[in-house]
N, C-alpha and C. Protein backbone atom coordinates (compact mmCIF):
# COMPACT_ATOMS: atom_id res chain seq x y z
N MET A 1 263.52 184.23 55.82
CA MET A 1 264.23 183.63 54.96
C MET A 1 263.90 184.55 53.64
N LYS A 2 262.50 184.65 53.70
CA LYS A 2 262.02 185.42 52.44
C LYS A 2 262.49 187.08 52.67
N LYS A 3 262.79 187.33 53.95
CA LYS A 3 263.26 188.72 53.77
C LYS A 3 264.67 188.85 53.38
N LYS A 4 265.40 187.75 53.66
CA LYS A 4 266.80 187.91 53.30
C LYS A 4 266.91 187.83 51.69
N TYR A 5 265.94 186.86 51.05
CA TYR A 5 266.04 186.64 49.57
C TYR A 5 265.48 187.99 48.98
N LYS A 6 264.63 188.54 49.61
CA LYS A 6 264.18 189.96 48.96
C LYS A 6 265.25 190.97 48.95
N LYS A 7 265.84 190.84 50.09
CA LYS A 7 266.86 192.04 50.01
C LYS A 7 267.96 191.61 49.43
N TYR A 8 268.35 190.37 49.08
CA TYR A 8 269.36 189.95 48.17
C TYR A 8 269.05 190.52 46.80
N VAL A 9 267.78 190.04 46.45
CA VAL A 9 267.29 190.58 44.93
C VAL A 9 267.38 192.01 44.74
N LEU A 10 266.94 192.55 45.71
CA LEU A 10 266.90 194.27 45.54
C LEU A 10 268.29 194.78 45.42
N LYS A 11 269.18 194.40 46.33
CA LYS A 11 270.40 194.82 46.31
C LYS A 11 271.66 194.20 45.03
N THR A 12 271.03 193.31 44.53
CA THR A 12 271.97 192.57 43.54
C THR A 12 271.68 192.45 42.20
N VAL A 13 270.47 191.64 42.23
CA VAL A 13 269.76 191.12 40.98
C VAL A 13 269.35 192.42 40.15
N VAL A 14 268.36 193.21 40.78
CA VAL A 14 267.83 194.27 40.22
C VAL A 14 268.89 195.42 39.53
N PRO A 15 270.00 195.92 40.31
CA PRO A 15 270.86 196.56 39.93
C PRO A 15 271.57 196.14 38.34
N ILE A 16 271.86 194.71 38.51
CA ILE A 16 272.68 194.03 37.63
C ILE A 16 271.70 194.15 36.33
N ILE A 17 270.40 193.95 36.54
CA ILE A 17 269.68 193.75 35.56
C ILE A 17 269.38 195.25 34.70
N ALA A 18 269.44 196.27 35.65
CA ALA A 18 269.15 197.75 35.20
C ALA A 18 270.54 198.05 34.31
N MET A 19 271.73 197.79 34.89
CA MET A 19 272.71 198.09 34.21
C MET A 19 273.02 197.48 33.01
N THR A 20 272.58 196.40 32.82
CA THR A 20 272.71 195.38 31.62
C THR A 20 271.69 195.85 30.42
N VAL A 21 270.68 196.35 31.14
CA VAL A 21 269.70 197.00 30.10
C VAL A 21 270.04 198.41 29.62
N LEU A 22 270.69 199.15 30.62
CA LEU A 22 271.48 200.60 30.19
C LEU A 22 272.60 200.42 29.48
N VAL A 23 273.22 199.43 29.49
CA VAL A 23 274.54 199.42 28.72
C VAL A 23 274.01 198.82 27.08
N ILE A 24 273.16 198.02 27.20
CA ILE A 24 272.76 197.39 25.71
C ILE A 24 272.09 198.74 24.81
N ALA A 25 271.27 199.33 25.74
CA ALA A 25 270.40 200.91 25.13
C ALA A 25 271.67 201.66 24.62
N CYS A 26 272.54 201.81 25.48
CA CYS A 26 273.69 202.81 24.87
C CYS A 26 274.50 202.21 23.85
N LEU A 27 274.50 200.87 23.79
CA LEU A 27 275.40 200.24 22.60
C LEU A 27 274.58 200.53 21.28
N ILE A 28 273.24 200.29 21.58
CA ILE A 28 272.39 200.32 20.37
C ILE A 28 272.26 201.73 19.79
N HIS A 29 272.15 202.60 20.87
CA HIS A 29 272.38 204.15 20.52
C HIS A 29 273.80 204.51 19.64
N ILE A 30 274.74 204.13 20.32
CA ILE A 30 276.02 204.36 19.64
C ILE A 30 276.01 203.57 18.12
N ASN A 31 275.45 202.44 17.97
CA ASN A 31 275.39 201.84 16.81
C ASN A 31 274.63 202.83 15.64
N ILE A 32 273.56 203.03 16.09
CA ILE A 32 272.85 204.10 15.17
C ILE A 32 273.68 205.37 14.87
N ILE A 33 274.11 206.00 15.49
CA ILE A 33 274.85 207.05 15.12
C ILE A 33 276.11 206.77 14.45
N ASN A 34 276.98 205.60 14.64
CA ASN A 34 277.85 205.20 13.96
C ASN A 34 277.57 204.91 12.38
N THR A 35 276.33 204.16 12.38
CA THR A 35 275.79 203.74 11.05
C THR A 35 275.34 204.97 10.18
N LYS A 36 274.79 206.09 10.85
CA LYS A 36 274.42 207.00 10.27
C LYS A 36 275.76 207.84 9.72
N THR A 37 276.89 207.95 10.53
CA THR A 37 277.87 208.79 10.10
C THR A 37 278.72 207.94 9.01
N LEU A 38 278.97 206.55 9.30
CA LEU A 38 279.91 205.72 8.50
C LEU A 38 279.37 205.33 7.23
N SER A 39 278.25 204.76 7.32
CA SER A 39 277.48 204.35 6.11
C SER A 39 276.12 204.70 5.88
N PRO A 40 275.72 205.67 5.44
CA PRO A 40 274.43 206.29 5.12
C PRO A 40 273.64 205.30 4.08
N LEU A 41 272.29 205.07 4.37
CA LEU A 41 271.63 204.13 3.56
C LEU A 41 271.90 204.35 2.16
N GLY A 42 272.15 203.25 1.26
CA GLY A 42 272.14 203.49 -0.05
C GLY A 42 273.50 203.76 -0.78
N ASN A 43 274.30 204.64 -0.28
CA ASN A 43 275.24 205.16 -0.93
C ASN A 43 276.59 204.79 -0.12
N THR A 44 276.88 203.64 0.41
CA THR A 44 277.96 203.42 1.29
C THR A 44 279.22 203.36 0.43
N LYS A 45 279.40 202.58 -0.90
CA LYS A 45 280.30 202.55 -1.61
C LYS A 45 280.85 203.77 -2.05
N GLN A 46 279.85 204.65 -2.55
CA GLN A 46 280.09 205.89 -3.15
C GLN A 46 280.93 206.54 -1.87
N ASN A 47 280.17 206.75 -0.77
CA ASN A 47 281.10 207.37 0.05
C ASN A 47 282.23 207.02 0.53
N TYR A 48 282.64 205.73 0.87
CA TYR A 48 283.88 205.37 0.83
C TYR A 48 284.97 205.62 -0.07
N GLU A 49 284.48 205.67 -1.46
CA GLU A 49 285.30 206.08 -2.63
C GLU A 49 285.71 207.66 -2.43
N LEU A 50 284.78 208.49 -2.15
CA LEU A 50 284.81 209.71 -1.99
C LEU A 50 285.80 210.17 -0.95
N VAL A 51 285.66 209.37 0.27
CA VAL A 51 286.76 209.74 1.66
C VAL A 51 288.20 209.03 0.98
N SER A 52 288.00 208.19 0.35
CA SER A 52 289.41 207.79 -0.07
C SER A 52 289.93 208.75 -0.93
N GLU A 53 289.38 209.43 -1.79
CA GLU A 53 289.89 210.22 -2.70
C GLU A 53 290.37 211.48 -2.14
N LYS A 54 289.49 211.87 -0.95
CA LYS A 54 289.83 213.22 -0.49
C LYS A 54 290.92 213.06 0.64
N PHE A 55 290.80 212.11 1.46
CA PHE A 55 291.83 211.92 2.63
C PHE A 55 292.69 210.79 2.51
N GLY A 56 293.05 210.11 1.40
CA GLY A 56 293.91 209.21 1.42
C GLY A 56 293.43 207.93 1.73
N ALA A 57 294.42 206.82 1.48
CA ALA A 57 294.46 205.54 1.93
C ALA A 57 294.03 205.24 3.62
N ASP A 58 295.09 205.80 4.07
CA ASP A 58 294.99 205.46 5.52
C ASP A 58 293.70 206.22 6.28
N PHE A 59 293.28 207.26 6.02
CA PHE A 59 291.77 207.51 6.61
C PHE A 59 290.73 206.59 6.08
N ALA A 60 290.72 206.16 4.73
CA ALA A 60 289.81 205.22 4.19
C ALA A 60 289.78 204.09 4.81
N ASN A 61 290.87 203.37 5.55
CA ASN A 61 290.87 202.06 6.13
C ASN A 61 290.32 202.34 7.49
N PHE A 62 290.37 203.57 7.98
CA PHE A 62 289.58 203.71 9.26
C PHE A 62 288.04 204.05 9.26
N ILE A 63 287.84 204.75 8.15
CA ILE A 63 286.30 205.22 8.00
C ILE A 63 285.51 203.94 7.46
N LYS A 64 286.23 202.72 6.79
CA LYS A 64 285.52 201.58 6.20
C LYS A 64 284.64 201.03 7.25
N ASP A 65 283.47 200.74 7.03
CA ASP A 65 282.38 200.04 8.09
C ASP A 65 282.13 198.60 7.66
N ASN A 66 282.79 197.67 8.37
CA ASN A 66 282.63 196.43 8.24
C ASN A 66 281.70 195.88 9.10
N SER A 67 280.69 196.57 9.95
CA SER A 67 280.21 195.98 10.75
C SER A 67 279.07 194.78 10.52
N PHE A 68 278.88 194.03 11.15
CA PHE A 68 278.01 192.99 11.00
C PHE A 68 276.36 193.65 11.04
N LEU A 69 276.32 194.43 12.08
CA LEU A 69 274.90 194.88 12.54
C LEU A 69 274.79 196.50 12.29
N LYS A 70 274.00 196.69 11.52
CA LYS A 70 273.76 198.21 10.88
C LYS A 70 272.37 198.46 11.42
N ILE A 71 272.17 199.52 12.04
CA ILE A 71 270.82 200.07 12.03
C ILE A 71 270.65 201.58 11.79
N TYR A 72 269.43 201.47 11.13
CA TYR A 72 269.26 202.68 10.29
C TYR A 72 267.80 203.27 10.70
N GLU A 73 267.72 204.71 10.91
CA GLU A 73 266.60 205.24 11.67
C GLU A 73 266.14 206.00 10.54
N ASP A 74 264.75 206.23 10.43
CA ASP A 74 264.10 207.39 9.65
C ASP A 74 263.93 208.64 10.16
N SER A 75 264.25 209.76 9.63
CA SER A 75 264.11 211.27 10.25
C SER A 75 262.90 211.36 11.19
N ASP A 76 261.94 210.95 10.76
CA ASP A 76 260.85 210.98 11.68
C ASP A 76 260.53 209.95 12.77
N ASN A 77 261.47 208.91 12.88
CA ASN A 77 261.46 207.87 13.65
C ASN A 77 260.29 206.89 13.72
N LYS A 78 259.64 206.89 12.52
CA LYS A 78 258.56 205.74 12.51
C LYS A 78 259.15 204.46 11.83
N LYS A 79 260.08 204.55 11.37
CA LYS A 79 260.70 203.19 10.89
C LYS A 79 262.32 202.84 11.16
N VAL A 80 262.51 201.72 11.31
CA VAL A 80 263.80 201.41 11.69
C VAL A 80 264.18 200.13 10.88
N LEU A 81 265.36 200.25 10.14
CA LEU A 81 265.64 199.29 9.00
C LEU A 81 267.08 198.84 10.05
N VAL A 82 266.90 197.28 10.27
CA VAL A 82 268.20 196.59 10.81
C VAL A 82 268.63 195.64 9.84
N ARG A 83 270.13 195.76 9.72
CA ARG A 83 270.73 194.75 8.87
C ARG A 83 271.80 193.93 9.52
N LEU A 84 271.51 192.67 9.31
CA LEU A 84 272.35 191.70 9.98
C LEU A 84 272.94 190.85 8.94
N GLY A 85 274.11 191.08 8.61
CA GLY A 85 274.76 190.79 7.49
C GLY A 85 273.98 191.06 6.06
N ASP A 86 273.59 190.23 5.39
CA ASP A 86 272.93 190.48 4.06
C ASP A 86 271.29 190.47 4.42
N ALA A 87 270.75 189.98 5.61
CA ALA A 87 269.56 190.15 5.88
C ALA A 87 268.85 191.37 6.20
N GLU A 88 267.74 191.84 6.02
CA GLU A 88 267.25 193.07 6.47
C GLU A 88 265.89 192.86 7.07
N PHE A 89 265.49 193.85 8.10
CA PHE A 89 264.53 193.68 8.73
C PHE A 89 263.99 195.12 9.12
N LYS A 90 262.74 195.13 8.73
CA LYS A 90 261.98 196.53 8.89
C LYS A 90 261.14 196.52 10.10
N ILE A 91 261.42 197.40 10.82
CA ILE A 91 260.69 197.52 12.25
C ILE A 91 259.72 198.95 12.23
N SER A 92 258.59 198.96 12.21
CA SER A 92 257.84 200.04 12.21
C SER A 92 257.15 200.62 13.71
N SER A 93 257.09 201.69 14.03
CA SER A 93 256.61 202.09 15.29
C SER A 93 255.09 201.46 15.73
N GLU A 94 254.39 200.96 14.66
CA GLU A 94 253.29 200.23 14.81
C GLU A 94 253.40 198.79 15.35
N SER A 95 254.85 198.33 15.37
CA SER A 95 254.97 197.02 15.70
C SER A 95 254.40 196.56 16.90
N GLU A 96 253.97 195.40 17.07
CA GLU A 96 253.48 194.79 18.37
C GLU A 96 254.35 195.00 19.53
N ILE A 97 255.54 194.25 19.12
CA ILE A 97 256.89 194.46 20.17
C ILE A 97 256.99 195.77 20.58
N ILE A 98 257.30 196.85 19.68
CA ILE A 98 257.44 198.39 20.32
C ILE A 98 256.25 198.95 20.98
N LYS A 99 255.13 198.46 20.60
CA LYS A 99 254.00 198.90 21.59
C LYS A 99 253.96 198.27 22.81
N TYR A 100 254.17 196.99 22.97
CA TYR A 100 254.47 196.14 24.27
C TYR A 100 255.55 196.75 25.07
N ILE A 101 256.64 197.19 24.53
CA ILE A 101 257.67 197.77 25.29
C ILE A 101 257.38 198.97 25.90
N GLU A 102 256.71 199.92 25.07
CA GLU A 102 256.44 201.28 25.23
C GLU A 102 255.38 201.42 26.51
N ASN A 103 254.17 200.28 26.43
CA ASN A 103 253.56 200.21 27.39
C ASN A 103 253.93 199.82 28.72
N LYS A 104 255.03 198.75 28.64
CA LYS A 104 255.60 198.54 29.81
C LYS A 104 256.41 199.53 30.37
N ILE A 105 256.96 200.30 29.57
CA ILE A 105 257.93 201.43 30.15
C ILE A 105 256.90 202.50 30.60
N ASN A 106 255.93 202.85 30.23
CA ASN A 106 255.07 203.89 30.51
C ASN A 106 254.23 203.46 31.77
N SER A 107 254.09 202.05 31.96
CA SER A 107 253.65 201.79 33.12
C SER A 107 254.50 201.73 34.31
N ILE A 108 255.84 201.48 34.23
CA ILE A 108 256.77 202.00 34.99
C ILE A 108 256.60 203.26 35.66
N LYS A 109 256.72 204.27 34.68
CA LYS A 109 256.62 205.71 34.93
C LYS A 109 255.50 205.95 35.89
């Protein structure tokens, strides 16, 4: 019975968890790229007005970033700013959560 259960877990549950983690990581990476491109930190309204003037109203509606979640990275990747609506969270590389995750990843390697 234990062999069947272990085989089931290895064939179904582990790949599902791995794919879920991979999809979430990719979505976060895409969100970071979109946030960097569409709404750089600080001058979102100014960029929107500039694009509206240069390319017209149709393109301005396309480029407008109304996302609820925005993730900003520093150029040196030491700090991350996460905006959820009006709330802002700053995460540094010295964070205990980040260190814990990095240790787990390194132990897997």
